[in-house]
C-alpha atoms as a PDB file:
ATOM      1  CA  MET A   1      -0.320  -0.006  -0.293  1.00  0.00           C
ATOM      2  CA  ILE A   2       2.758   2.372   0.876  1.00  0.00           C
ATOM      3  CA  ALA A   3       4.895   1.342  -2.059  1.00  0.00           C
ATOM      4  CA  ASP A   4       2.152   2.166  -4.482  1.00  0.00           C
ATOM      5  CA  ALA A   5       1.287   5.563  -2.842  1.00  0.00           C
ATOM      6  CA  VAL A   6       5.561   6.342  -3.805  1.00  0.00           C
ATOM      7  CA  VAL A   7       4.814   5.144  -7.080  1.00  0.00           C
ATOM      8  CA  ALA A   8       2.384   7.095  -7.553  1.00  0.00           C
ATOM      9  CA  ALA A   9       3.978  10.057  -6.278  1.00  0.00           C
ATOM     10  CA  ILE A  10       6.351   9.819  -8.093  1.00  0.00           C
ATOM     11  CA  ALA A  11       4.287   9.219 -11.684  1.00  0.00           C
ATOM     12  CA  ASN A  12       2.626  12.829 -10.812  1.00  0.00           C
ATOM     13  CA  ALA A  13       5.800  14.710  -9.919  1.00  0.00           C
ATOM     14  CA  MET A  14       6.782  17.170 -12.321  1.00  0.00           C
ATOM     15  CA  ILE A  15      10.004  17.056 -13.506  1.00  0.00           C
ATOM     16  CA  ASN A  16      11.611  19.849 -14.054  1.00  0.00           C
ATOM     17  CA  LYS A  17      15.164  20.901 -15.623  1.00  0.00           C
ATOM     18  CA  ASN A  18      16.594  20.350 -12.044  1.00  0.00           C
ATOM     19  CA  THR A  19      15.439  16.808 -12.103  1.00  0.00           C
ATOM     20  CA  THR A  20      18.345  14.421 -11.729  1.00  0.00           C
ATOM     21  CA  LEU A  21      18.168  11.553 -14.712  1.00  0.00           C
ATOM     22  CA  GLY A  22      17.924   9.324 -11.818  1.00  0.00           C
ATOM     23  CA  LYS A  23      15.091  10.523 -10.733  1.00  0.00           C
ATOM     24  CA  ILE A  24      13.695  10.718 -14.317  1.00  0.00           C
ATOM     25  CA  LEU A  25      14.329   7.236 -14.714  1.00  0.00           C
ATOM     26  CA  GLU A  26      12.165   5.837 -11.736  1.00  0.00           C
ATOM     27  CA  ILE A  27       9.345   6.710 -14.287  1.00  0.00           C
ATOM     28  CA  LYS A  28       7.206   3.583 -16.024  1.00  0.00           C
ATOM     29  CA  GLY A  29       8.300   4.745 -20.241  1.00  0.00           C
ATOM     30  CA  SER A  30      10.295   8.013 -19.136  1.00  0.00           C
ATOM     31  CA  GLU A  31      13.117   6.005 -21.336  1.00  0.00           C
ATOM     32  CA  LYS A  32      10.954   5.591 -23.927  1.00  0.00           C
ATOM     33  CA  VAL A  33      11.204   9.283 -23.925  1.00  0.00           C
ATOM     34  CA  LEU A  34      14.986   9.529 -23.601  1.00  0.00           C
ATOM     35  CA  THR A  35      15.995   7.699 -26.825  1.00  0.00           C
ATOM     36  CA  LYS A  36      12.792   9.614 -29.319  1.00  0.00           C
ATOM     37  CA  HIS A  37      14.751  12.149 -27.911  1.00  0.00           C
ATOM     38  CA  LYS A  38      18.459  11.470 -28.262  1.00  0.00           C
ATOM     39  CA  VAL A  39      19.288  11.921 -25.150  1.00  0.00           C
ATOM     40  CA  PRO A  40      22.760  10.446 -25.536  1.00  0.00           C
ATOM     41  CA  CYS A  41      23.106   9.411 -21.650  1.00  0.00           C
ATOM     42  CA  VAL A  42      20.575   6.709 -21.531  1.00  0.00           C
ATOM     43  CA  SER A  43      22.843   4.567 -23.248  1.00  0.00           C
ATOM     44  CA  CYS A  44      26.504   5.954 -21.756  1.00  0.00           C
ATOM     45  CA  PRO A  45      27.606   3.540 -19.696  1.00  0.00           C
ATOM     46  CA  MET A  46      30.057   6.064 -17.814  1.00  0.00           C
ATOM     47  CA  ALA A  47      26.659   8.005 -17.464  1.00  0.00           C
ATOM     48  CA  LYS A  48      25.433   4.823 -14.782  1.00  0.00           C
ATOM     49  CA  PHE A  49      27.947   6.465 -12.338  1.00  0.00           C
ATOM     50  CA  GLU A  50      25.983  10.072 -12.096  1.00  0.00           C
ATOM     51  CA  MET A  51      22.784   9.627 -12.623  1.00  0.00           C
ATOM     52  CA  GLU A  52      22.002  10.986  -9.323  1.00  0.00           C
ATOM     53  CA  LYS A  53      24.517  13.947 -10.699  1.00  0.00           C
ATOM     54  CA  LEU A  54      23.028  14.877 -13.703  1.00  0.00           C
ATOM     55  CA  LYS A  55      20.061  17.012 -14.569  1.00  0.00           C
ATOM     56  CA  ILE A  56      18.403  16.487 -17.157  1.00  0.00           C
ATOM     57  CA  GLY A  57      19.094  20.742 -17.367  1.00  0.00           C
ATOM     58  CA  GLU A  58      21.950  20.270 -18.132  1.00  0.00           C
ATOM     59  CA  ILE A  59      22.013  17.669 -20.173  1.00  0.00           C
ATOM     60  CA  CYS A  60      19.900  19.215 -22.697  1.00  0.00           C
ATOM     61  CA  LYS A  61      22.026  22.077 -22.811  1.00  0.00           C
ATOM     62  CA  MET A  62      25.278  20.661 -23.026  1.00  0.00           C
ATOM     63  CA  TYR A  63      23.993  18.428 -25.507  1.00  0.00           C
ATOM     64  CA  GLY A  64      21.794  21.191 -27.274  1.00  0.00           C
ATOM     65  CA  LEU A  65      17.856  18.961 -27.257  1.00  0.00           C
ATOM     66  CA  PRO A  66      15.028  20.679 -26.747  1.00  0.00           C
ATOM     67  CA  LEU A  67      14.352  20.659 -23.258  1.00  0.00           C
ATOM     68  CA  LYS A  68      11.300  22.293 -23.543  1.00  0.00           C
ATOM     69  CA  ASP A  69       9.900  19.096 -25.350  1.00  0.00           C
ATOM     70  CA  ILE A  70      11.473  16.685 -23.436  1.00  0.00           C
ATOM     71  CA  LEU A  71       9.872  17.911 -20.197  1.00  0.00           C
ATOM     72  CA  LYS A  72       6.481  18.279 -22.474  1.00  0.00           C
ATOM     73  CA  ASP A  73       6.578  14.816 -22.831  1.00  0.00           C
ATOM     74  CA  LEU A  74       8.101  12.796 -20.239  1.00  0.00           C
ATOM     75  CA  ASN A  75       5.147  15.203 -17.986  1.00  0.00           C
END
């Protein structure tokens, strides 16, 4: 029961530019969205060590990705 509430809270939380990749990937279906937008960190072996530090806004800035579109699709 508590686990279901936690999952619901995570799913309903708004993702913003400061949300870490680790938190985003906890949400079902988020990997598809990130792959669709060609976020390279999803498949990068080195990124797996930094998932809790990498913020989606910083990733988008680094790789010239459309943050607004990615946030829209994730939310």
